[in-house]
């Protein structure tokens, strides 16, 4: 599931619409202008929740390779969350009129 989460996040990062792009309600542009902007905040929250859970498992007494695995997952989730936020921030600031 983490692989699917990472792939969906990378897809949203690649297909971010330009700030000020009007919504299109038909065809393939529906994905870029309506569905992806809805999914971006949801995936951001899921990434942050998975990072939190990785940190909880790290603190839960795991040692060695298990702790290293959760540390890598934590870094991956936070990196993807930061990239998603930075990529979508101009779109949402324009959308809400704070440009």
N, C-alpha and C. Protein backbone atom coordinates (compact mmCIF):
# COMPACT_ATOMS: atom_id res chain seq x y z
N UNK A 1 0.82 -1.19 0.00
CA UNK A 1 0.00 0.00 0.00
C UNK A 1 0.87 1.26 0.00
N UNK A 2 2.04 1.16 0.62
CA UNK A 2 2.93 2.32 0.63
C UNK A 2 3.46 2.61 -0.78
N UNK A 3 3.65 1.59 -1.55
CA UNK A 3 4.10 1.79 -2.93
C UNK A 3 3.01 2.50 -3.73
N UNK A 4 1.77 2.09 -3.55
CA UNK A 4 0.65 2.75 -4.23
C UNK A 4 0.53 4.20 -3.78
N UNK A 5 0.71 4.45 -2.49
CA UNK A 5 0.67 5.82 -1.97
C UNK A 5 1.77 6.68 -2.60
N UNK A 6 2.97 6.13 -2.68
CA UNK A 6 4.09 6.87 -3.28
C UNK A 6 3.84 7.13 -4.77
N UNK A 7 3.33 6.13 -5.48
CA UNK A 7 3.05 6.31 -6.91
C UNK A 7 1.95 7.34 -7.16
N UNK A 8 0.90 7.30 -6.34
CA UNK A 8 -0.16 8.29 -6.49
C UNK A 8 0.36 9.69 -6.18
N UNK A 9 1.20 9.81 -5.17
CA UNK A 9 1.77 11.11 -4.84
C UNK A 9 2.65 11.63 -5.96
N UNK A 10 3.49 10.77 -6.52
CA UNK A 10 4.34 11.19 -7.64
C UNK A 10 3.50 11.59 -8.85
N UNK A 11 2.40 10.88 -9.08
CA UNK A 11 1.49 11.23 -10.17
C UNK A 11 0.91 12.63 -9.95
N UNK A 12 0.51 12.92 -8.72
CA UNK A 12 -0.03 14.24 -8.42
C UNK A 12 1.02 15.33 -8.56
N UNK A 13 2.25 15.01 -8.21
CA UNK A 13 3.33 15.99 -8.35
C UNK A 13 3.60 16.30 -9.82
N UNK A 14 3.59 15.27 -10.65
CA UNK A 14 3.88 15.45 -12.08
C UNK A 14 2.75 16.18 -12.80
N UNK A 15 1.51 15.87 -12.46
CA UNK A 15 0.36 16.41 -13.20
C UNK A 15 -0.33 17.56 -12.48
N UNK A 16 0.41 18.38 -11.77
CA UNK A 16 -0.15 19.56 -11.12
C UNK A 16 -0.56 20.58 -12.18
N UNK A 17 -1.79 21.05 -12.12
CA UNK A 17 -2.19 22.08 -13.10
C UNK A 17 -1.53 23.42 -12.77
N UNK A 18 -1.43 24.26 -13.76
CA UNK A 18 -0.87 25.60 -13.55
C UNK A 18 -1.82 26.41 -12.66
N UNK A 19 -1.27 27.31 -11.85
CA UNK A 19 -2.14 28.17 -11.03
C UNK A 19 -3.08 28.97 -11.91
N UNK A 20 -4.33 29.03 -11.51
CA UNK A 20 -5.32 29.77 -12.26
C UNK A 20 -6.00 28.99 -13.36
N UNK A 21 -5.69 27.71 -13.50
CA UNK A 21 -6.32 26.89 -14.52
C UNK A 21 -7.80 26.69 -14.16
N UNK A 22 -8.71 27.00 -15.09
CA UNK A 22 -10.13 26.79 -14.78
C UNK A 22 -10.48 25.30 -14.79
N UNK A 23 -11.50 24.96 -14.03
CA UNK A 23 -11.94 23.57 -13.95
C UNK A 23 -12.62 23.16 -15.25
N UNK A 24 -12.29 21.96 -15.70
CA UNK A 24 -12.91 21.38 -16.89
C UNK A 24 -13.68 20.15 -16.41
N UNK A 25 -14.95 20.08 -16.77
CA UNK A 25 -15.81 19.03 -16.24
C UNK A 25 -16.10 17.90 -17.22
N UNK A 26 -15.29 17.77 -18.27
CA UNK A 26 -15.48 16.70 -19.24
C UNK A 26 -14.13 16.27 -19.79
N UNK A 27 -14.05 15.01 -20.17
CA UNK A 27 -12.83 14.50 -20.79
C UNK A 27 -11.72 14.23 -19.79
N UNK A 28 -10.52 14.07 -20.34
CA UNK A 28 -9.37 13.73 -19.50
C UNK A 28 -8.91 14.88 -18.63
N UNK A 29 -9.19 16.11 -19.04
CA UNK A 29 -8.80 17.27 -18.23
C UNK A 29 -9.55 17.32 -16.91
N UNK A 30 -10.64 16.59 -16.80
CA UNK A 30 -11.37 16.49 -15.53
C UNK A 30 -10.44 15.98 -14.43
N UNK A 31 -9.58 15.04 -14.78
CA UNK A 31 -8.65 14.49 -13.79
C UNK A 31 -7.70 15.56 -13.27
N UNK A 32 -7.09 16.32 -14.17
CA UNK A 32 -6.09 17.32 -13.76
C UNK A 32 -6.70 18.52 -13.06
N UNK A 33 -7.92 18.91 -13.44
CA UNK A 33 -8.46 20.16 -12.92
C UNK A 33 -9.48 19.98 -11.80
N UNK A 34 -10.02 18.78 -11.62
CA UNK A 34 -11.03 18.57 -10.57
C UNK A 34 -10.62 17.47 -9.60
N UNK A 35 -10.27 16.31 -10.12
CA UNK A 35 -10.02 15.16 -9.25
C UNK A 35 -8.67 15.27 -8.54
N UNK A 36 -7.61 15.61 -9.25
CA UNK A 36 -6.29 15.72 -8.61
C UNK A 36 -6.24 16.80 -7.53
N UNK A 37 -6.85 17.98 -7.75
CA UNK A 37 -6.85 18.96 -6.65
C UNK A 37 -7.59 18.49 -5.40
N UNK A 38 -8.55 17.60 -5.57
CA UNK A 38 -9.24 17.04 -4.41
C UNK A 38 -8.36 16.00 -3.72
N UNK A 39 -7.64 15.22 -4.51
CA UNK A 39 -6.82 14.15 -3.93
C UNK A 39 -5.55 14.66 -3.26
N UNK A 40 -5.02 15.79 -3.69
CA UNK A 40 -3.76 16.28 -3.15
C UNK A 40 -3.78 16.48 -1.63
N UNK A 41 -4.76 17.20 -1.05
CA UNK A 41 -4.77 17.33 0.41
C UNK A 41 -5.02 16.02 1.13
N UNK A 42 -5.81 15.14 0.53
CA UNK A 42 -6.08 13.84 1.15
C UNK A 42 -4.80 13.02 1.23
N UNK A 43 -4.06 12.95 0.12
CA UNK A 43 -2.82 12.19 0.11
C UNK A 43 -1.78 12.82 1.04
N UNK A 44 -1.78 14.14 1.15
CA UNK A 44 -0.86 14.79 2.09
C UNK A 44 -1.14 14.32 3.52
N UNK A 45 -2.41 14.26 3.88
CA UNK A 45 -2.76 13.80 5.23
C UNK A 45 -2.40 12.34 5.44
N UNK A 46 -2.58 11.51 4.43
CA UNK A 46 -2.23 10.08 4.54
C UNK A 46 -0.71 9.92 4.67
N UNK A 47 0.06 10.71 3.92
CA UNK A 47 1.52 10.66 4.04
C UNK A 47 1.97 11.05 5.44
N UNK A 48 1.38 12.11 5.98
CA UNK A 48 1.75 12.54 7.32
C UNK A 48 1.32 11.54 8.38
N UNK A 49 0.17 10.90 8.19
CA UNK A 49 -0.26 9.86 9.13
C UNK A 49 0.68 8.66 9.07
N UNK A 50 1.10 8.26 7.89
CA UNK A 50 2.03 7.13 7.76
C UNK A 50 3.39 7.48 8.36
N UNK A 51 3.81 8.74 8.22
CA UNK A 51 5.07 9.17 8.85
C UNK A 51 4.94 9.10 10.36
N UNK A 52 3.81 9.53 10.88
CA UNK A 52 3.58 9.46 12.33
C UNK A 52 3.60 8.01 12.82
N UNK A 53 2.94 7.14 12.09
CA UNK A 53 2.91 5.74 12.50
C UNK A 53 4.29 5.09 12.40
N UNK A 54 5.07 5.49 11.41
CA UNK A 54 6.45 4.99 11.33
C UNK A 54 7.24 5.42 12.54
N UNK A 55 7.04 6.66 12.97
CA UNK A 55 7.74 7.15 14.15
C UNK A 55 7.28 6.42 15.42
N UNK A 56 6.01 6.13 15.50
CA UNK A 56 5.48 5.37 16.65
C UNK A 56 6.10 3.99 16.69
N UNK A 57 6.19 3.32 15.56
CA UNK A 57 6.80 1.99 15.52
C UNK A 57 8.29 2.05 15.84
N UNK A 58 8.96 3.13 15.42
CA UNK A 58 10.38 3.27 15.76
C UNK A 58 10.56 3.39 17.27
N UNK A 59 9.65 4.09 17.92
CA UNK A 59 9.74 4.28 19.37
C UNK A 59 9.24 3.06 20.14
N UNK A 60 8.65 2.11 19.44
CA UNK A 60 8.04 0.96 20.08
C UNK A 60 9.00 -0.15 20.46
N UNK A 61 10.27 0.09 20.41
CA UNK A 61 11.22 -0.92 20.84
C UNK A 61 11.86 -1.73 19.73
N UNK A 62 11.56 -1.40 18.48
CA UNK A 62 12.21 -2.11 17.39
C UNK A 62 13.69 -1.72 17.34
N UNK A 63 14.52 -2.69 16.99
CA UNK A 63 15.95 -2.43 16.87
C UNK A 63 16.46 -3.00 15.55
N UNK A 64 17.64 -2.62 15.21
CA UNK A 64 18.31 -3.18 14.04
C UNK A 64 17.64 -2.82 12.73
N UNK A 65 17.41 -3.86 11.91
CA UNK A 65 16.86 -3.64 10.56
C UNK A 65 15.43 -3.12 10.58
N UNK A 66 14.64 -3.55 11.55
CA UNK A 66 13.26 -3.08 11.62
C UNK A 66 13.22 -1.57 11.89
N UNK A 67 14.06 -1.11 12.81
CA UNK A 67 14.11 0.32 13.11
C UNK A 67 14.61 1.11 11.91
N UNK A 68 15.60 0.58 11.20
CA UNK A 68 16.12 1.23 10.00
C UNK A 68 15.04 1.32 8.92
N UNK A 69 14.24 0.28 8.79
CA UNK A 69 13.15 0.26 7.80
C UNK A 69 12.16 1.38 8.10
N UNK A 70 11.74 1.50 9.35
CA UNK A 70 10.78 2.54 9.71
C UNK A 70 11.39 3.93 9.57
N UNK A 71 12.67 4.04 9.82
CA UNK A 71 13.35 5.34 9.63
C UNK A 71 13.34 5.73 8.16
N UNK A 72 13.60 4.79 7.28
CA UNK A 72 13.56 5.07 5.83
C UNK A 72 12.15 5.44 5.38
N UNK A 73 11.16 4.74 5.91
CA UNK A 73 9.77 5.06 5.57
C UNK A 73 9.40 6.46 6.05
N UNK A 74 9.86 6.82 7.24
CA UNK A 74 9.60 8.15 7.77
C UNK A 74 10.20 9.22 6.86
N UNK A 75 11.44 9.02 6.46
CA UNK A 75 12.11 9.99 5.58
C UNK A 75 11.42 10.05 4.23
N UNK A 76 11.04 8.91 3.67
CA UNK A 76 10.35 8.88 2.38
C UNK A 76 9.02 9.63 2.46
N UNK A 77 8.24 9.36 3.50
CA UNK A 77 6.93 10.00 3.63
C UNK A 77 7.07 11.51 3.80
N UNK A 78 8.00 11.94 4.62
CA UNK A 78 8.17 13.38 4.83
C UNK A 78 8.70 14.08 3.59
N UNK A 79 9.57 13.40 2.84
CA UNK A 79 10.08 13.96 1.59
C UNK A 79 8.95 14.11 0.57
N UNK A 80 8.14 13.07 0.42
CA UNK A 80 7.02 13.14 -0.52
C UNK A 80 6.00 14.20 -0.08
N UNK A 81 5.75 14.30 1.22
CA UNK A 81 4.81 15.31 1.72
C UNK A 81 5.33 16.71 1.43
N UNK A 82 6.61 16.94 1.63
CA UNK A 82 7.19 18.26 1.36
C UNK A 82 7.13 18.57 -0.13
N UNK A 83 7.46 17.60 -0.97
CA UNK A 83 7.42 17.81 -2.42
C UNK A 83 5.99 18.09 -2.89
N UNK A 84 5.03 17.35 -2.37
CA UNK A 84 3.63 17.55 -2.74
C UNK A 84 3.16 18.94 -2.31
N UNK A 85 3.51 19.33 -1.11
CA UNK A 85 3.12 20.65 -0.61
C UNK A 85 3.73 21.77 -1.44
N UNK A 86 5.02 21.68 -1.71
CA UNK A 86 5.68 22.73 -2.48
C UNK A 86 5.14 22.83 -3.90
N UNK A 87 4.82 21.70 -4.49
CA UNK A 87 4.33 21.68 -5.87
C UNK A 87 2.91 22.23 -5.98
N UNK A 88 2.05 21.92 -4.99
CA UNK A 88 0.66 22.33 -5.06
C UNK A 88 0.37 23.66 -4.39
N UNK A 89 1.28 24.19 -3.60
CA UNK A 89 1.03 25.43 -2.88
C UNK A 89 0.68 26.60 -3.80
N UNK A 90 1.39 26.82 -4.92
CA UNK A 90 0.99 27.94 -5.81
C UNK A 90 -0.42 27.77 -6.37
N UNK A 91 -0.81 26.55 -6.67
CA UNK A 91 -2.15 26.31 -7.21
C UNK A 91 -3.21 26.69 -6.19
N UNK A 92 -3.05 26.23 -4.95
CA UNK A 92 -4.07 26.48 -3.94
C UNK A 92 -4.07 27.94 -3.47
N UNK A 93 -2.92 28.59 -3.42
CA UNK A 93 -2.92 30.01 -3.05
C UNK A 93 -3.62 30.85 -4.10
N UNK A 94 -3.45 30.52 -5.36
CA UNK A 94 -4.17 31.22 -6.43
C UNK A 94 -5.65 30.89 -6.38
N UNK A 95 -5.99 29.66 -6.10
CA UNK A 95 -7.37 29.22 -6.05
C UNK A 95 -8.14 29.96 -4.95
N UNK A 96 -7.50 30.18 -3.82
CA UNK A 96 -8.16 30.85 -2.72
C UNK A 96 -7.91 32.35 -2.68
N UNK A 97 -7.28 32.89 -3.73
CA UNK A 97 -7.14 34.32 -3.90
C UNK A 97 -6.08 34.98 -3.04
N UNK A 98 -5.06 34.24 -2.65
CA UNK A 98 -4.00 34.81 -1.83
C UNK A 98 -2.69 34.84 -2.60
N UNK A 99 -2.70 35.32 -3.81
CA UNK A 99 -1.50 35.31 -4.63
C UNK A 99 -0.68 36.54 -4.50
